[in-house]
PDB file of all heavy atoms in Angstrom:
ATOM      1  N   PHE A   1     109.951 112.474   8.806  1.00  0.00           N
ATOM      2  CA  PHE A   1     108.701 112.737   8.008  1.00  0.00           C
ATOM      3  C   PHE A   1     107.774 112.898   9.098  1.00  0.00           C
ATOM      4  O   PHE A   1     107.614 112.130  10.094  1.00  0.00           O
ATOM      5  CB  PHE A   1     108.343 111.524   7.171  1.00  0.00           C
ATOM      6  CG  PHE A   1     109.136 111.419   5.928  1.00  0.00           C
ATOM      7  CD1 PHE A   1     110.232 110.609   5.767  1.00  0.00           C
ATOM      8  CD2 PHE A   1     108.801 112.291   4.725  1.00  0.00           C
ATOM      9  CE1 PHE A   1     110.984 110.480   4.673  1.00  0.00           C
ATOM     10  CE2 PHE A   1     109.547 112.244   3.625  1.00  0.00           C
ATOM     11  CZ  PHE A   1     110.577 111.389   3.481  1.00  0.00           C
ATOM     12  N   ILE A   2     106.753 113.851   8.938  1.00  0.00           N
ATOM     13  CA  ILE A   2     105.769 114.150   9.933  1.00  0.00           C
ATOM     14  C   ILE A   2     104.311 114.177   9.146  1.00  0.00           C
ATOM     15  O   ILE A   2     104.250 114.818   8.102  1.00  0.00           O
ATOM     16  CB  ILE A   2     105.978 115.547  10.481  1.00  0.00           C
ATOM     17  CG1 ILE A   2     107.229 115.489  11.247  1.00  0.00           C
ATOM     18  CG2 ILE A   2     104.856 115.965  11.394  1.00  0.00           C
ATOM     19  CD1 ILE A   2     107.716 116.751  11.876  1.00  0.00           C
ATOM     20  N   CYS A   3     103.426 113.473   9.716  1.00  0.00           N
ATOM     21  CA  CYS A   3     102.066 113.549   9.199  1.00  0.00           C
ATOM     22  C   CYS A   3     101.431 114.493  10.063  1.00  0.00           C
ATOM     23  O   CYS A   3     101.080 114.312  11.329  1.00  0.00           O
ATOM     24  CB  CYS A   3     101.387 112.101   9.360  1.00  0.00           C
ATOM     25  SG  CYS A   3      99.664 112.244   8.834  1.00  0.00           S
ATOM     26  N   GLU A   4     100.864 115.646   9.524  1.00  0.00           N
ATOM     27  CA  GLU A   4     100.108 116.623  10.227  1.00  0.00           C
ATOM     28  C   GLU A   4      98.763 116.224  10.645  1.00  0.00           C
ATOM     29  O   GLU A   4      98.120 116.740  11.552  1.00  0.00           O
ATOM     30  CB  GLU A   4     100.174 118.034   9.577  1.00  0.00           C
ATOM     31  CG  GLU A   4     101.507 118.492   9.459  1.00  0.00           C
ATOM     32  CD  GLU A   4     101.574 119.966   8.732  1.00  0.00           C
ATOM     33  OE1 GLU A   4     101.415 120.986   9.512  1.00  0.00           O
ATOM     34  OE2 GLU A   4     101.840 119.925   7.558  1.00  0.00           O
ATOM     35  N   ASN A   5      98.140 115.277   9.897  1.00  0.00           N
ATOM     36  CA  ASN A   5      96.845 114.776  10.200  1.00  0.00           C
ATOM     37  C   ASN A   5      96.844 113.904  11.470  1.00  0.00           C
ATOM     38  O   ASN A   5      96.031 114.067  12.357  1.00  0.00           O
ATOM     39  CB  ASN A   5      96.339 113.944   9.086  1.00  0.00           C
ATOM     40  CG  ASN A   5      95.988 114.767   7.737  1.00  0.00           C
ATOM     41  OD1 ASN A   5      95.739 115.935   7.831  1.00  0.00           O
ATOM     42  ND2 ASN A   5      96.153 114.068   6.665  1.00  0.00           N
ATOM     43  N   CYS A   6      97.810 112.953  11.439  1.00  0.00           N
ATOM     44  CA  CYS A   6      97.931 112.086  12.615  1.00  0.00           C
ATOM     45  C   CYS A   6      98.795 112.540  13.821  1.00  0.00           C
ATOM     46  O   CYS A   6      98.808 111.971  14.894  1.00  0.00           O
ATOM     47  CB  CYS A   6      98.501 110.665  12.094  1.00  0.00           C
ATOM     48  SG  CYS A   6      97.634 109.849  10.994  1.00  0.00           S
ATOM     49  N   MET A   7      99.539 113.614  13.477  1.00  0.00           N
ATOM     50  CA  MET A   7     100.565 114.093  14.343  1.00  0.00           C
ATOM     51  C   MET A   7     101.617 113.123  14.878  1.00  0.00           C
ATOM     52  O   MET A   7     101.923 112.871  15.991  1.00  0.00           O
ATOM     53  CB  MET A   7      99.903 114.806  15.610  1.00  0.00           C
ATOM     54  CG  MET A   7      99.142 115.955  15.202  1.00  0.00           C
ATOM     55  SD  MET A   7     100.095 117.320  14.466  1.00  0.00           S
ATOM     56  CE  MET A   7     101.043 118.094  15.749  1.00  0.00           C
ATOM     57  N   LEU A   8     102.097 112.419  13.798  1.00  0.00           N
ATOM     58  CA  LEU A   8     103.054 111.343  14.023  1.00  0.00           C
ATOM     59  C   LEU A   8     104.376 111.769  13.284  1.00  0.00           C
ATOM     60  O   LEU A   8     104.322 112.319  12.167  1.00  0.00           O
ATOM     61  CB  LEU A   8     102.616 109.967  13.401  1.00  0.00           C
ATOM     62  CG  LEU A   8     101.497 109.276  14.148  1.00  0.00           C
ATOM     63  CD1 LEU A   8     101.095 108.046  13.409  1.00  0.00           C
ATOM     64  CD2 LEU A   8     101.783 109.014  15.545  1.00  0.00           C
ATOM     65  N   LYS A   9     105.552 111.405  13.988  1.00  0.00           N
ATOM     66  CA  LYS A   9     106.779 111.648  13.459  1.00  0.00           C
ATOM     67  C   LYS A   9     107.529 110.376  13.201  1.00  0.00           C
ATOM     68  O   LYS A   9     107.525 109.394  14.037  1.00  0.00           O
ATOM     69  CB  LYS A   9     107.624 112.440  14.490  1.00  0.00           C
ATOM     70  CG  LYS A   9     109.047 112.803  13.967  1.00  0.00           C
ATOM     71  CD  LYS A   9     109.672 113.748  15.017  1.00  0.00           C
ATOM     72  CE  LYS A   9     110.314 113.030  16.125  1.00  0.00           C
ATOM     73  NZ  LYS A   9     111.296 113.807  16.899  1.00  0.00           N
ATOM     74  N   PHE A  10     107.971 110.190  11.893  1.00  0.00           N
ATOM     75  CA  PHE A  10     108.641 109.002  11.487  1.00  0.00           C
ATOM     76  C   PHE A  10     110.147 109.349  11.258  1.00  0.00           C
ATOM     77  O   PHE A  10     110.379 110.186  10.477  1.00  0.00           O
ATOM     78  CB  PHE A  10     108.021 108.409  10.205  1.00  0.00           C
ATOM     79  CG  PHE A  10     106.550 108.172  10.349  1.00  0.00           C
ATOM     80  CD1 PHE A  10     105.612 109.059   9.994  1.00  0.00           C
ATOM     81  CD2 PHE A  10     106.129 106.965  10.715  1.00  0.00           C
ATOM     82  CE1 PHE A  10     104.196 108.820  10.096  1.00  0.00           C
ATOM     83  CE2 PHE A  10     104.744 106.676  10.897  1.00  0.00           C
ATOM     84  CZ  PHE A  10     103.803 107.649  10.637  1.00  0.00           C
ATOM     85  N   GLU A  11     110.969 108.586  11.991  1.00  0.00           N
ATOM     86  CA  GLU A  11     112.394 108.908  11.853  1.00  0.00           C
ATOM     87  C   GLU A  11     113.009 108.311  10.598  1.00  0.00           C
ATOM     88  O   GLU A  11     112.467 107.380  10.010  1.00  0.00           O
ATOM     89  CB  GLU A  11     113.088 108.220  13.011  1.00  0.00           C
ATOM     90  CG  GLU A  11     112.680 108.765  14.527  1.00  0.00           C
ATOM     91  CD  GLU A  11     113.121 110.130  14.788  1.00  0.00           C
ATOM     92  OE1 GLU A  11     114.191 110.571  14.239  1.00  0.00           O
ATOM     93  OE2 GLU A  11     112.478 110.728  15.556  1.00  0.00           O
ATOM     94  N   ILE A  12     114.092 108.827  10.266  1.00  0.00           N
ATOM     95  CA  ILE A  12     114.821 108.333   9.103  1.00  0.00           C
ATOM     96  C   ILE A  12     116.294 107.862   9.675  1.00  0.00           C
ATOM     97  O   ILE A  12     116.958 108.679  10.254  1.00  0.00           O
ATOM     98  CB  ILE A  12     115.114 109.513   8.017  1.00  0.00           C
ATOM     99  CG1 ILE A  12     113.785 109.881   7.437  1.00  0.00           C
ATOM    100  CG2 ILE A  12     116.021 108.951   6.934  1.00  0.00           C
ATOM    101  CD1 ILE A  12     113.942 111.153   6.556  1.00  0.00           C
ATOM    102  N   ILE A  13     116.445 106.510   9.403  1.00  0.00           N
ATOM    103  CA  ILE A  13     117.668 106.011  10.028  1.00  0.00           C
ATOM    104  C   ILE A  13     118.513 105.455   8.914  1.00  0.00           C
ATOM    105  O   ILE A  13     118.055 104.622   8.100  1.00  0.00           O
ATOM    106  CB  ILE A  13     117.282 104.793  10.927  1.00  0.00           C
ATOM    107  CG1 ILE A  13     116.362 105.367  12.104  1.00  0.00           C
ATOM    108  CG2 ILE A  13     118.482 104.149  11.568  1.00  0.00           C
ATOM    109  CD1 ILE A  13     115.551 104.305  12.785  1.00  0.00           C
ATOM    110  N   ASP A  14     119.762 105.931   8.791  1.00  0.00           N
ATOM    111  CA  ASP A  14     120.745 105.631   7.644  1.00  0.00           C
ATOM    112  C   ASP A  14     120.054 105.770   6.313  1.00  0.00           C
ATOM    113  O   ASP A  14     120.097 104.781   5.457  1.00  0.00           O
ATOM    114  CB  ASP A  14     121.123 104.128   7.909  1.00  0.00           C
ATOM    115  CG  ASP A  14     121.945 103.983   9.165  1.00  0.00           C
ATOM    116  OD1 ASP A  14     122.657 104.877   9.608  1.00  0.00           O
ATOM    117  OD2 ASP A  14     121.921 102.759   9.752  1.00  0.00           O
ATOM    118  N   ASP A  15     119.410 106.903   6.125  1.00  0.00           N
ATOM    119  CA  ASP A  15     118.719 107.315   4.964  1.00  0.00           C
ATOM    120  C   ASP A  15     117.549 106.352   4.532  1.00  0.00           C
ATOM    121  O   ASP A  15     117.026 106.301   3.372  1.00  0.00           O
ATOM    122  CB  ASP A  15     119.695 107.289   3.723  1.00  0.00           C
ATOM    123  CG  ASP A  15     120.603 108.381   3.923  1.00  0.00           C
ATOM    124  OD1 ASP A  15     120.401 109.360   4.393  1.00  0.00           O
ATOM    125  OD2 ASP A  15     121.831 108.226   3.267  1.00  0.00           O
ATOM    126  N   ILE A  16     116.978 105.634   5.475  1.00  0.00           N
ATOM    127  CA  ILE A  16     115.853 104.770   5.275  1.00  0.00           C
ATOM    128  C   ILE A  16     114.771 105.180   6.234  1.00  0.00           C
ATOM    129  O   ILE A  16     114.853 105.255   7.464  1.00  0.00           O
ATOM    130  CB  ILE A  16     116.134 103.252   5.568  1.00  0.00           C
ATOM    131  CG1 ILE A  16     117.276 102.853   4.596  1.00  0.00           C
ATOM    132  CG2 ILE A  16     114.923 102.404   5.456  1.00  0.00           C
ATOM    133  CD1 ILE A  16     117.854 101.485   4.979  1.00  0.00           C
ATOM    134  N   PRO A  17     113.597 105.651   5.657  1.00  0.00           N
ATOM    135  CA  PRO A  17     112.350 106.098   6.468  1.00  0.00           C
ATOM    136  C   PRO A  17     111.845 104.850   7.271  1.00  0.00           C
ATOM    137  O   PRO A  17     111.677 103.801   6.684  1.00  0.00           O
ATOM    138  CB  PRO A  17     111.452 106.610   5.516  1.00  0.00           C
ATOM    139  CG  PRO A  17     112.198 106.797   4.251  1.00  0.00           C
ATOM    140  CD  PRO A  17     113.350 105.915   4.276  1.00  0.00           C
ATOM    141  N   ASP A  18     111.644 105.017   8.586  1.00  0.00           N
ATOM    142  CA  ASP A  18     111.039 103.982   9.410  1.00  0.00           C
ATOM    143  C   ASP A  18     109.554 104.349   9.535  1.00  0.00           C
ATOM    144  O   ASP A  18     109.155 105.134  10.340  1.00  0.00           O
ATOM    145  CB  ASP A  18     111.791 104.013  10.747  1.00  0.00           C
ATOM    146  CG  ASP A  18     111.050 102.871  11.666  1.00  0.00           C
ATOM    147  OD1 ASP A  18     110.219 102.096  11.315  1.00  0.00           O
ATOM    148  OD2 ASP A  18     111.665 102.900  12.865  1.00  0.00           O
ATOM    149  N   PHE A  19     108.728 103.623   8.727  1.00  0.00           N
ATOM    150  CA  PHE A  19     107.182 103.835   8.719  1.00  0.00           C
ATOM    151  C   PHE A  19     106.555 102.761   9.473  1.00  0.00           C
ATOM    152  O   PHE A  19     105.267 102.595   9.255  1.00  0.00           O
ATOM    153  CB  PHE A  19     106.717 103.936   7.300  1.00  0.00           C
ATOM    154  CG  PHE A  19     107.173 105.180   6.582  1.00  0.00           C
ATOM    155  CD1 PHE A  19     107.757 105.135   5.439  1.00  0.00           C
ATOM    156  CD2 PHE A  19     106.856 106.479   7.220  1.00  0.00           C
ATOM    157  CE1 PHE A  19     108.134 106.412   4.742  1.00  0.00           C
ATOM    158  CE2 PHE A  19     107.209 107.596   6.449  1.00  0.00           C
ATOM    159  CZ  PHE A  19     107.922 107.563   5.272  1.00  0.00           C
ATOM    160  N   LEU A  20     107.139 102.047  10.413  1.00  0.00           N
ATOM    161  CA  LEU A  20     106.507 101.065  11.238  1.00  0.00           C
ATOM    162  C   LEU A  20     105.676 101.941  12.212  1.00  0.00           C
ATOM    163  O   LEU A  20     106.277 102.740  13.021  1.00  0.00           O
ATOM    164  CB  LEU A  20     107.513 100.124  11.969  1.00  0.00           C
ATOM    165  CG  LEU A  20     108.341  99.225  10.996  1.00  0.00           C
ATOM    166  CD1 LEU A  20     109.340  98.468  11.804  1.00  0.00           C
ATOM    167  CD2 LEU A  20     107.433  98.321  10.276  1.00  0.00           C
ATOM    168  N   PRO A  21     104.402 101.640  12.253  1.00  0.00           N
ATOM    169  CA  PRO A  21     103.579 102.393  13.264  1.00  0.00           C
ATOM    170  C   PRO A  21     103.985 102.247  14.718  1.00  0.00           C
ATOM    171  O   PRO A  21     103.890 103.249  15.419  1.00  0.00           O
ATOM    172  CB  PRO A  21     102.116 101.661  13.019  1.00  0.00           C
ATOM    173  CG  PRO A  21     102.247 101.121  11.692  1.00  0.00           C
ATOM    174  CD  PRO A  21     103.616 100.687  11.423  1.00  0.00           C
ATOM    175  N   ASP A  22     104.494 101.176  15.137  1.00  0.00           N
ATOM    176  CA  ASP A  22     105.089 100.987  16.625  1.00  0.00           C
ATOM    177  C   ASP A  22     106.246 101.930  16.744  1.00  0.00           C
ATOM    178  O   ASP A  22     106.470 102.208  17.983  1.00  0.00           O
ATOM    179  CB  ASP A  22     105.345  99.572  16.835  1.00  0.00           C
ATOM    180  CG  ASP A  22     104.091  98.694  16.904  1.00  0.00           C
ATOM    181  OD1 ASP A  22     102.912  99.163  17.045  1.00  0.00           O
ATOM    182  OD2 ASP A  22     104.226  97.458  16.762  1.00  0.00           O
ATOM    183  N   ASP A  23     106.992 102.277  15.845  1.00  0.00           N
ATOM    184  CA  ASP A  23     108.124 103.049  15.991  1.00  0.00           C
ATOM    185  C   ASP A  23     107.851 104.560  15.847  1.00  0.00           C
ATOM    186  O   ASP A  23     108.625 105.448  16.297  1.00  0.00           O
ATOM    187  CB  ASP A  23     109.215 102.727  14.965  1.00  0.00           C
ATOM    188  CG  ASP A  23     109.756 101.376  15.099  1.00  0.00           C
ATOM    189  OD1 ASP A  23     109.599 100.792  16.285  1.00  0.00           O
ATOM    190  OD2 ASP A  23     110.410 100.742  14.193  1.00  0.00           O
ATOM    191  N   ALA A  24     106.636 104.977  15.375  1.00  0.00           N
ATOM    192  CA  ALA A  24     106.336 106.351  15.144  1.00  0.00           C
ATOM    193  C   ALA A  24     106.191 107.016  16.516  1.00  0.00           C
ATOM    194  O   ALA A  24     105.708 106.301  17.492  1.00  0.00           O
ATOM    195  CB  ALA A  24     105.079 106.475  14.379  1.00  0.00           C
TER     196      ALA A  24
END
């Protein structure tokens, strides 16, 4: 998942989005 406003990429691990800010 990518936020074009923040320019952050959030990975999906084992079909679970990782939305922890430290992991972005």
